[in-house]
Amino acid sequence: MAKTTKSRTPARETEDHVDRYNKVVDAAELNGIQLVHVNFDVMSRYFDNEGSPAIGYVVKTEDTYYDVEDGFAACLVNFEVEAKDDSGVTLECSAKYTVSYRLSEACDEKAVKIFLRRVGVFACYPYFRGLFASLDWSANTRLPPLPVHKENVATRPKKKVPKKVSARETKVD
């Protein structure tokens, strides 16, 4: 007789992922945030332009590290800001931070890396935002403060809801 095995349902797999992630959240304690690189360049034509330049920022988690035996996890987060005019980039700022955590118990490596990519950015963004404001003030570039950072959350496709029939449309035989 052949042995049958139950396959995991997508809902159960999602619950398992959430449980593993939540275990990391419970076990993690912020160890440190260090600025490891900064670059700030303002082109002379920046000051020639009147009005507000177009400004944007990008955040990338470049690397993650997890040592199960030592209970140590870290990531490298890169921030980049650019101001542009019609001719191109007029101001550039980049900074890299390491963010490290101590984990009180062994956790799933994939869940730790997801945690680092999500939470590590939010841990060090206020530091970058403050650094950028200080550099902006020192250079007298008068840019607005960087916005509050928001996570890009994937949205679920909307389920088709059957059209409700109003009382007037109801046919009675």
N, C-alpha and C. Protein backbone atom coordinates (compact mmCIF):
# COMPACT_ATOMS: atom_id res chain seq x y z
N MET A 1 0.85 -1.17 0.00
CA MET A 1 0.00 0.00 0.00
C MET A 1 0.90 1.24 0.00
N ALA A 2 0.58 2.18 -0.85
CA ALA A 2 1.39 3.41 -0.97
C ALA A 2 1.05 4.35 0.19
N LYS A 3 2.11 4.98 0.70
CA LYS A 3 1.94 5.94 1.78
C LYS A 3 1.61 7.30 1.19
N THR A 4 0.59 7.92 1.70
CA THR A 4 0.24 9.25 1.20
C THR A 4 0.70 10.30 2.21
N THR A 5 1.07 11.43 1.69
CA THR A 5 1.48 12.53 2.57
C THR A 5 0.58 13.72 2.29
N LYS A 6 0.32 14.45 3.33
CA LYS A 6 -0.48 15.66 3.18
C LYS A 6 0.41 16.77 2.64
N SER A 7 -0.08 17.46 1.65
CA SER A 7 0.67 18.62 1.16
C SER A 7 0.23 19.83 1.97
N ARG A 8 1.15 20.75 2.13
CA ARG A 8 0.83 21.96 2.88
C ARG A 8 -0.07 22.85 2.04
N THR A 9 -1.05 23.38 2.67
CA THR A 9 -1.92 24.32 1.97
C THR A 9 -1.24 25.68 1.97
N PRO A 10 -1.51 26.52 0.98
CA PRO A 10 -0.91 27.86 0.97
C PRO A 10 -1.18 28.64 2.25
N ALA A 11 -2.37 28.50 2.82
CA ALA A 11 -2.69 29.23 4.05
C ALA A 11 -1.79 28.76 5.19
N ARG A 12 -1.58 27.46 5.27
CA ARG A 12 -0.73 26.91 6.33
C ARG A 12 0.72 27.35 6.14
N GLU A 13 1.20 27.36 4.89
CA GLU A 13 2.56 27.82 4.62
C GLU A 13 2.72 29.28 5.04
N THR A 14 1.72 30.10 4.75
CA THR A 14 1.77 31.51 5.13
C THR A 14 1.82 31.63 6.65
N GLU A 15 1.02 30.85 7.35
CA GLU A 15 1.04 30.87 8.81
C GLU A 15 2.41 30.48 9.34
N ASP A 16 3.04 29.47 8.73
CA ASP A 16 4.38 29.05 9.14
C ASP A 16 5.39 30.18 8.94
N HIS A 17 5.32 30.87 7.81
CA HIS A 17 6.23 31.99 7.54
C HIS A 17 6.04 33.09 8.57
N VAL A 18 4.79 33.40 8.87
CA VAL A 18 4.48 34.44 9.85
C VAL A 18 4.99 34.03 11.24
N ASP A 19 4.79 32.77 11.60
CA ASP A 19 5.26 32.28 12.90
C ASP A 19 6.78 32.36 13.00
N ARG A 20 7.49 31.98 11.93
CA ARG A 20 8.96 32.05 11.94
C ARG A 20 9.42 33.51 12.01
N TYR A 21 8.76 34.40 11.29
CA TYR A 21 9.11 35.82 11.33
C TYR A 21 8.85 36.39 12.72
N ASN A 22 7.71 36.07 13.31
CA ASN A 22 7.38 36.57 14.63
C ASN A 22 8.35 36.06 15.69
N LYS A 23 8.89 34.87 15.49
CA LYS A 23 9.91 34.35 16.41
C LYS A 23 11.16 35.25 16.37
N VAL A 24 11.53 35.70 15.17
CA VAL A 24 12.67 36.61 15.04
C VAL A 24 12.37 37.92 15.74
N VAL A 25 11.19 38.45 15.53
CA VAL A 25 10.80 39.71 16.16
C VAL A 25 10.92 39.59 17.68
N ASP A 26 10.46 38.49 18.23
CA ASP A 26 10.52 38.29 19.68
C ASP A 26 11.95 38.12 20.19
N ALA A 27 12.81 37.50 19.39
CA ALA A 27 14.18 37.19 19.82
C ALA A 27 15.17 38.33 19.58
N ALA A 28 14.85 39.25 18.69
CA ALA A 28 15.80 40.29 18.27
C ALA A 28 15.84 41.48 19.22
N GLU A 29 17.07 41.93 19.46
CA GLU A 29 17.29 43.16 20.22
C GLU A 29 18.33 43.98 19.47
N LEU A 30 18.03 45.24 19.25
CA LEU A 30 18.95 46.10 18.50
C LEU A 30 20.30 46.15 19.21
N ASN A 31 21.35 45.87 18.48
CA ASN A 31 22.70 45.88 19.01
C ASN A 31 23.41 47.19 18.71
N GLY A 32 23.24 47.70 17.49
CA GLY A 32 23.91 48.94 17.14
C GLY A 32 23.60 49.40 15.73
N ILE A 33 23.79 50.70 15.52
CA ILE A 33 23.65 51.32 14.21
C ILE A 33 24.89 52.17 13.99
N GLN A 34 25.62 51.88 12.92
CA GLN A 34 26.85 52.62 12.64
C GLN A 34 26.83 53.18 11.23
N LEU A 35 27.19 54.45 11.12
CA LEU A 35 27.42 55.06 9.82
C LEU A 35 28.80 54.61 9.35
N VAL A 36 28.87 53.99 8.16
CA VAL A 36 30.16 53.49 7.69
C VAL A 36 30.65 54.20 6.43
N HIS A 37 29.78 54.98 5.79
CA HIS A 37 30.18 55.73 4.60
C HIS A 37 29.22 56.89 4.39
N VAL A 38 29.76 58.03 3.96
CA VAL A 38 28.90 59.15 3.59
C VAL A 38 29.58 59.93 2.47
N ASN A 39 28.76 60.42 1.53
CA ASN A 39 29.24 61.24 0.43
C ASN A 39 28.18 62.31 0.17
N PHE A 40 28.63 63.56 0.02
CA PHE A 40 27.70 64.66 -0.23
C PHE A 40 28.33 65.57 -1.25
N ASP A 41 27.71 65.70 -2.41
CA ASP A 41 28.23 66.54 -3.49
C ASP A 41 27.15 67.50 -3.97
N VAL A 42 27.50 68.78 -4.05
CA VAL A 42 26.60 69.78 -4.59
C VAL A 42 27.30 70.44 -5.77
N MET A 43 26.68 70.39 -6.94
CA MET A 43 27.25 71.03 -8.12
C MET A 43 27.00 72.54 -8.03
N SER A 44 27.88 73.32 -8.58
CA SER A 44 27.76 74.78 -8.47
C SER A 44 26.47 75.29 -9.11
N ARG A 45 25.99 74.65 -10.16
CA ARG A 45 24.76 75.12 -10.81
C ARG A 45 23.53 74.92 -9.93
N TYR A 46 23.64 74.13 -8.88
CA TYR A 46 22.53 73.96 -7.94
C TYR A 46 22.07 75.33 -7.43
N PHE A 47 23.05 76.20 -7.12
CA PHE A 47 22.74 77.50 -6.54
C PHE A 47 22.30 78.53 -7.58
N ASP A 48 22.46 78.20 -8.87
CA ASP A 48 22.02 79.09 -9.94
C ASP A 48 20.53 79.01 -10.19
N ASN A 49 19.94 77.90 -9.83
CA ASN A 49 18.52 77.67 -10.12
C ASN A 49 17.63 78.30 -9.06
N GLU A 50 16.56 78.89 -9.53
CA GLU A 50 15.56 79.42 -8.61
C GLU A 50 14.45 78.38 -8.52
N GLY A 51 13.79 78.36 -7.42
CA GLY A 51 12.71 77.40 -7.24
C GLY A 51 13.23 76.13 -6.60
N SER A 52 12.34 75.19 -6.41
CA SER A 52 12.68 73.93 -5.75
C SER A 52 13.07 72.88 -6.77
N PRO A 53 14.20 72.22 -6.55
CA PRO A 53 14.59 71.14 -7.45
C PRO A 53 13.75 69.89 -7.17
N ALA A 54 13.67 69.02 -8.15
CA ALA A 54 13.01 67.73 -7.94
C ALA A 54 13.94 66.88 -7.09
N ILE A 55 13.43 66.30 -6.02
CA ILE A 55 14.25 65.52 -5.11
C ILE A 55 13.63 64.14 -4.92
N GLY A 56 14.47 63.15 -4.80
CA GLY A 56 14.00 61.79 -4.57
C GLY A 56 15.04 61.02 -3.79
N TYR A 57 14.61 59.94 -3.15
CA TYR A 57 15.55 59.10 -2.42
C TYR A 57 15.26 57.64 -2.69
N VAL A 58 16.32 56.84 -2.51
CA VAL A 58 16.24 55.39 -2.72
C VAL A 58 16.90 54.72 -1.52
N VAL A 59 16.29 53.64 -1.05
CA VAL A 59 16.85 52.86 0.05
C VAL A 59 17.04 51.44 -0.44
N LYS A 60 18.23 50.89 -0.21
CA LYS A 60 18.51 49.51 -0.61
C LYS A 60 19.21 48.79 0.53
N THR A 61 18.72 47.60 0.85
CA THR A 61 19.46 46.74 1.77
C THR A 61 20.41 45.93 0.91
N GLU A 62 21.70 46.21 1.06
CA GLU A 62 22.69 45.61 0.16
C GLU A 62 23.14 44.23 0.59
N ASP A 63 23.22 43.99 1.87
CA ASP A 63 23.77 42.72 2.33
C ASP A 63 23.16 42.36 3.68
N THR A 64 22.99 41.07 3.92
CA THR A 64 22.53 40.60 5.22
C THR A 64 23.46 39.51 5.70
N TYR A 65 23.57 39.37 7.00
CA TYR A 65 24.46 38.38 7.61
C TYR A 65 23.77 37.82 8.85
N TYR A 66 23.87 36.50 9.03
CA TYR A 66 23.30 35.87 10.22
C TYR A 66 24.22 34.75 10.68
N ASP A 67 24.67 34.83 11.93
CA ASP A 67 25.48 33.79 12.55
C ASP A 67 24.62 33.16 13.64
N VAL A 68 24.13 31.96 13.37
CA VAL A 68 23.22 31.29 14.28
C VAL A 68 23.90 31.01 15.62
N GLU A 69 25.14 30.53 15.58
CA GLU A 69 25.84 30.16 16.81
C GLU A 69 26.08 31.34 17.73
N ASP A 70 26.43 32.49 17.17
CA ASP A 70 26.68 33.68 17.99
C ASP A 70 25.41 34.49 18.27
N GLY A 71 24.32 34.15 17.59
CA GLY A 71 23.09 34.91 17.76
C GLY A 71 23.24 36.35 17.30
N PHE A 72 23.94 36.52 16.18
CA PHE A 72 24.24 37.86 15.66
C PHE A 72 23.71 37.98 14.25
N ALA A 73 23.00 39.07 13.97
CA ALA A 73 22.48 39.33 12.63
C ALA A 73 22.73 40.79 12.30
N ALA A 74 23.06 41.05 11.04
CA ALA A 74 23.35 42.42 10.63
C ALA A 74 23.01 42.62 9.16
N CYS A 75 22.83 43.88 8.80
CA CYS A 75 22.60 44.22 7.41
C CYS A 75 23.30 45.54 7.10
N LEU A 76 23.54 45.74 5.82
CA LEU A 76 24.13 46.98 5.32
C LEU A 76 23.04 47.69 4.52
N VAL A 77 22.73 48.91 4.91
CA VAL A 77 21.66 49.66 4.26
C VAL A 77 22.25 50.90 3.59
N ASN A 78 21.92 51.08 2.32
CA ASN A 78 22.42 52.20 1.53
C ASN A 78 21.28 53.17 1.24
N PHE A 79 21.53 54.45 1.51
CA PHE A 79 20.57 55.51 1.22
C PHE A 79 21.17 56.43 0.16
N GLU A 80 20.35 56.84 -0.79
CA GLU A 80 20.80 57.77 -1.83
C GLU A 80 19.72 58.83 -2.06
N VAL A 81 20.16 60.09 -2.09
CA VAL A 81 19.26 61.21 -2.37
C VAL A 81 19.83 61.96 -3.56
N GLU A 82 18.97 62.38 -4.47
CA GLU A 82 19.38 63.20 -5.61
C GLU A 82 18.41 64.36 -5.77
N ALA A 83 18.97 65.50 -6.11
CA ALA A 83 18.17 66.65 -6.53
C ALA A 83 18.52 66.89 -7.99
N LYS A 84 17.51 67.17 -8.80
CA LYS A 84 17.73 67.33 -10.24
C LYS A 84 17.08 68.62 -10.73
N ASP A 85 17.67 69.12 -11.80
CA ASP A 85 17.03 70.19 -12.56
C ASP A 85 16.90 69.70 -14.00
N ASP A 86 16.59 70.58 -14.92
CA ASP A 86 16.41 70.17 -16.32
C ASP A 86 17.68 69.60 -16.93
N SER A 87 18.84 70.00 -16.40
CA SER A 87 20.13 69.54 -16.96
C SER A 87 20.63 68.25 -16.32
N GLY A 88 20.01 67.82 -15.24
CA GLY A 88 20.44 66.58 -14.59
C GLY A 88 20.64 66.75 -13.10
N VAL A 89 21.47 65.90 -12.52
CA VAL A 89 21.68 65.86 -11.08
C VAL A 89 22.48 67.09 -10.63
N THR A 90 21.99 67.74 -9.58
CA THR A 90 22.68 68.92 -9.04
C THR A 90 23.16 68.70 -7.61
N LEU A 91 22.62 67.69 -6.95
CA LEU A 91 23.02 67.37 -5.59
C LEU A 91 22.90 65.86 -5.40
N GLU A 92 23.91 65.29 -4.77
CA GLU A 92 23.90 63.86 -4.47
C GLU A 92 24.32 63.66 -3.03
N CYS A 93 23.64 62.76 -2.36
CA CYS A 93 24.03 62.37 -1.01
C CYS A 93 23.84 60.87 -0.90
N SER A 94 24.86 60.18 -0.41
CA SER A 94 24.72 58.75 -0.16
C SER A 94 25.34 58.43 1.18
N ALA A 95 24.77 57.45 1.84
CA ALA A 95 25.29 57.02 3.13
C ALA A 95 24.98 55.54 3.30
N LYS A 96 25.90 54.86 3.99
CA LYS A 96 25.70 53.45 4.31
C LYS A 96 25.78 53.27 5.81
N TYR A 97 24.88 52.45 6.29
CA TYR A 97 24.82 52.13 7.72
C TYR A 97 24.84 50.62 7.89
N THR A 98 25.47 50.17 8.96
CA THR A 98 25.29 48.79 9.38
C THR A 98 24.32 48.81 10.55
N VAL A 99 23.42 47.86 10.54
CA VAL A 99 22.45 47.71 11.62
C VAL A 99 22.61 46.29 12.12
N SER A 100 22.85 46.13 13.43
CA SER A 100 23.06 44.78 13.96
C SER A 100 22.10 44.48 15.10
N TYR A 101 21.79 43.21 15.22
CA TYR A 101 20.87 42.72 16.24
C TYR A 101 21.49 41.51 16.93
N ARG A 102 21.13 41.33 18.18
CA ARG A 102 21.42 40.11 18.93
C ARG A 102 20.12 39.32 18.98
N LEU A 103 20.22 38.03 18.72
CA LEU A 103 19.04 37.17 18.78
C LEU A 103 19.19 36.23 19.97
N SER A 104 18.19 36.20 20.83
CA SER A 104 18.26 35.41 22.07
C SER A 104 18.08 33.92 21.84
N GLU A 105 17.66 33.53 20.65
CA GLU A 105 17.52 32.12 20.32
C GLU A 105 17.71 31.92 18.82
N ALA A 106 18.00 30.68 18.43
CA ALA A 106 18.20 30.37 17.02
C ALA A 106 16.89 30.55 16.28
N CYS A 107 16.98 31.14 15.10
CA CYS A 107 15.80 31.41 14.28
C CYS A 107 16.04 30.94 12.85
N ASP A 108 14.97 30.86 12.10
CA ASP A 108 15.03 30.49 10.69
C ASP A 108 15.81 31.56 9.92
N GLU A 109 16.81 31.15 9.16
CA GLU A 109 17.68 32.11 8.46
C GLU A 109 16.91 32.98 7.48
N LYS A 110 16.00 32.40 6.75
CA LYS A 110 15.22 33.18 5.78
C LYS A 110 14.38 34.24 6.50
N ALA A 111 13.78 33.89 7.62
CA ALA A 111 12.98 34.83 8.39
C ALA A 111 13.86 35.95 8.96
N VAL A 112 15.09 35.62 9.37
CA VAL A 112 16.01 36.64 9.88
C VAL A 112 16.36 37.63 8.78
N LYS A 113 16.62 37.13 7.59
CA LYS A 113 16.97 38.02 6.47
C LYS A 113 15.80 38.92 6.08
N ILE A 114 14.60 38.40 6.12
CA ILE A 114 13.42 39.22 5.84
C ILE A 114 13.30 40.30 6.91
N PHE A 115 13.49 39.92 8.17
CA PHE A 115 13.45 40.87 9.28
C PHE A 115 14.49 41.98 9.07
N LEU A 116 15.71 41.61 8.73
CA LEU A 116 16.76 42.60 8.53
C LEU A 116 16.41 43.57 7.41
N ARG A 117 15.88 43.05 6.30
CA ARG A 117 15.54 43.92 5.17
C ARG A 117 14.38 44.86 5.50
N ARG A 118 13.47 44.41 6.33
CA ARG A 118 12.32 45.25 6.67
C ARG A 118 12.63 46.19 7.82
N VAL A 119 13.06 45.64 8.93
CA VAL A 119 13.21 46.41 10.16
C VAL A 119 14.52 47.20 10.18
N GLY A 120 15.57 46.67 9.58
CA GLY A 120 16.86 47.36 9.56
C GLY A 120 16.77 48.73 8.92
N VAL A 121 16.02 48.83 7.84
CA VAL A 121 15.83 50.11 7.16
C VAL A 121 15.15 51.12 8.08
N PHE A 122 14.10 50.69 8.75
CA PHE A 122 13.37 51.60 9.64
C PHE A 122 14.20 51.98 10.87
N ALA A 123 15.11 51.09 11.28
CA ALA A 123 15.95 51.40 12.44
C ALA A 123 16.92 52.54 12.12
N CYS A 124 17.49 52.54 10.92
CA CYS A 124 18.52 53.55 10.64
C CYS A 124 18.04 54.74 9.80
N TYR A 125 16.84 54.68 9.23
CA TYR A 125 16.37 55.81 8.42
C TYR A 125 16.33 57.14 9.20
N PRO A 126 15.88 57.16 10.45
CA PRO A 126 15.90 58.44 11.18
C PRO A 126 17.31 59.02 11.32
N TYR A 127 18.31 58.16 11.45
CA TYR A 127 19.70 58.63 11.52
C TYR A 127 20.11 59.27 10.20
N PHE A 128 19.75 58.62 9.10
CA PHE A 128 20.08 59.18 7.79
C PHE A 128 19.32 60.48 7.56
N ARG A 129 18.08 60.50 7.93
CA ARG A 129 17.26 61.70 7.75
C ARG A 129 17.87 62.87 8.51
N GLY A 130 18.34 62.63 9.73
CA GLY A 130 19.01 63.65 10.53
C GLY A 130 20.34 64.07 9.92
N LEU A 131 21.10 63.10 9.43
CA LEU A 131 22.38 63.40 8.78
C LEU A 131 22.15 64.26 7.54
N PHE A 132 21.16 63.89 6.74
CA PHE A 132 20.88 64.65 5.53
C PHE A 132 20.45 66.08 5.87
N ALA A 133 19.64 66.25 6.90
CA ALA A 133 19.20 67.58 7.31
C ALA A 133 20.40 68.43 7.76
N SER A 134 21.32 67.80 8.46
CA SER A 134 22.52 68.52 8.91
C SER A 134 23.40 68.93 7.73
N LEU A 135 23.59 68.03 6.78
CA LEU A 135 24.39 68.35 5.60
C LEU A 135 23.70 69.43 4.76
N ASP A 136 22.40 69.33 4.64
CA ASP A 136 21.62 70.34 3.91
C ASP A 136 21.80 71.71 4.56
N TRP A 137 21.70 71.77 5.87
CA TRP A 137 21.87 73.03 6.60
C TRP A 137 23.29 73.58 6.40
N SER A 138 24.30 72.69 6.53
CA SER A 138 25.70 73.12 6.39
C SER A 138 26.01 73.65 5.00
N ALA A 139 25.38 73.06 3.99
CA ALA A 139 25.63 73.47 2.60
C ALA A 139 24.70 74.61 2.17
N ASN A 140 23.75 74.96 3.02
CA ASN A 140 22.79 76.01 2.73
C ASN A 140 22.01 75.73 1.44
N THR A 141 21.65 74.47 1.24
CA THR A 141 20.90 74.08 0.05
C THR A 141 19.39 74.23 0.23
N ARG A 142 18.93 74.39 1.44
CA ARG A 142 17.54 74.69 1.76
C ARG A 142 16.51 73.73 1.17
N LEU A 143 16.84 72.46 1.25
CA LEU A 143 15.89 71.44 0.79
C LEU A 143 14.89 71.13 1.89
N PRO A 144 13.73 70.66 1.51
CA PRO A 144 12.75 70.27 2.54
C PRO A 144 13.24 69.01 3.25
N PRO A 145 12.75 68.75 4.44
CA PRO A 145 13.13 67.51 5.13
C PRO A 145 12.71 66.30 4.30
N LEU A 146 13.47 65.23 4.43
CA LEU A 146 13.08 64.00 3.75
C LEU A 146 11.76 63.51 4.35
N PRO A 147 10.95 62.86 3.55
CA PRO A 147 9.64 62.41 4.07
C PRO A 147 9.79 61.25 5.04
N VAL A 148 8.73 60.96 5.74
CA VAL A 148 8.69 59.76 6.56
C VAL A 148 8.79 58.56 5.62
N HIS A 149 9.65 57.61 5.96
CA HIS A 149 9.83 56.44 5.08
C HIS A 149 8.68 55.46 5.31
N LYS A 150 8.12 54.98 4.22
CA LYS A 150 7.03 54.01 4.28
C LYS A 150 7.45 52.77 3.52
N GLU A 151 7.03 51.66 4.03
CA GLU A 151 7.33 50.39 3.39
C GLU A 151 6.44 50.20 2.18
N ASN A 152 7.01 49.70 1.11
CA ASN A 152 6.21 49.36 -0.06
C ASN A 152 5.55 48.01 0.23
N VAL A 153 4.29 48.05 0.50
CA VAL A 153 3.57 46.85 0.83
C VAL A 153 2.80 46.38 -0.39
N ALA A 154 2.98 45.11 -0.72
CA ALA A 154 2.25 44.55 -1.85
C ALA A 154 0.78 44.47 -1.48
N THR A 155 -0.05 44.87 -2.41
CA THR A 155 -1.48 44.80 -2.16
C THR A 155 -2.02 43.51 -2.75
N ARG A 156 -3.00 42.98 -2.08
CA ARG A 156 -3.64 41.77 -2.58
C ARG A 156 -4.62 42.14 -3.67
N PRO A 157 -4.74 41.28 -4.67
CA PRO A 157 -5.74 41.56 -5.71
C PRO A 157 -7.13 41.57 -5.07
N LYS A 158 -7.95 42.47 -5.53
CA LYS A 158 -9.31 42.56 -5.01
C LYS A 158 -10.12 41.37 -5.51
N LYS A 159 -10.89 40.82 -4.58
CA LYS A 159 -11.78 39.72 -4.95
C LYS A 159 -12.99 40.30 -5.65
N LYS A 160 -13.46 39.58 -6.64
CA LYS A 160 -14.67 40.03 -7.32
C LYS A 160 -15.85 39.75 -6.41
N VAL A 161 -16.57 40.79 -6.13
CA VAL A 161 -17.75 40.66 -5.28
C VAL A 161 -18.95 40.61 -6.20
N PRO A 162 -19.80 39.61 -5.99
CA PRO A 162 -20.99 39.54 -6.86
C PRO A 162 -21.84 40.78 -6.68
N LYS A 163 -22.34 41.23 -7.79
CA LYS A 163 -23.17 42.44 -7.78
C LYS A 163 -24.45 42.14 -7.02
N LYS A 164 -24.74 43.04 -6.09
CA LYS A 164 -25.98 42.88 -5.32
C LYS A 164 -27.14 43.37 -6.17
N VAL A 165 -28.18 42.63 -6.06
CA VAL A 165 -29.38 43.00 -6.80
C VAL A 165 -30.25 43.82 -5.87
N SER A 166 -30.64 44.98 -6.34
CA SER A 166 -31.48 45.84 -5.51
C SER A 166 -32.90 45.31 -5.50
N ALA A 167 -33.67 45.77 -4.56
CA ALA A 167 -35.06 45.30 -4.43
C ALA A 167 -35.85 45.61 -5.68
N ARG A 168 -35.55 46.72 -6.36
CA ARG A 168 -36.27 47.10 -7.56
C ARG A 168 -35.97 46.17 -8.71
N GLU A 169 -34.77 45.57 -8.69
CA GLU A 169 -34.38 44.70 -9.79
C GLU A 169 -34.82 43.27 -9.60
N THR A 170 -35.30 42.95 -8.43
CA THR A 170 -35.68 41.59 -8.13
C THR A 170 -36.98 41.24 -8.87
N LYS A 171 -36.92 40.14 -9.56
CA LYS A 171 -38.12 39.70 -10.27
C LYS A 171 -38.86 38.69 -9.42
N VAL A 172 -40.13 38.88 -9.34
CA VAL A 172 -40.99 37.94 -8.60
C VAL A 172 -41.93 37.32 -9.61
N ASP A 173 -41.95 36.01 -9.59
CA ASP A 173 -42.84 35.30 -10.52
C ASP A 173 -44.19 35.06 -9.93
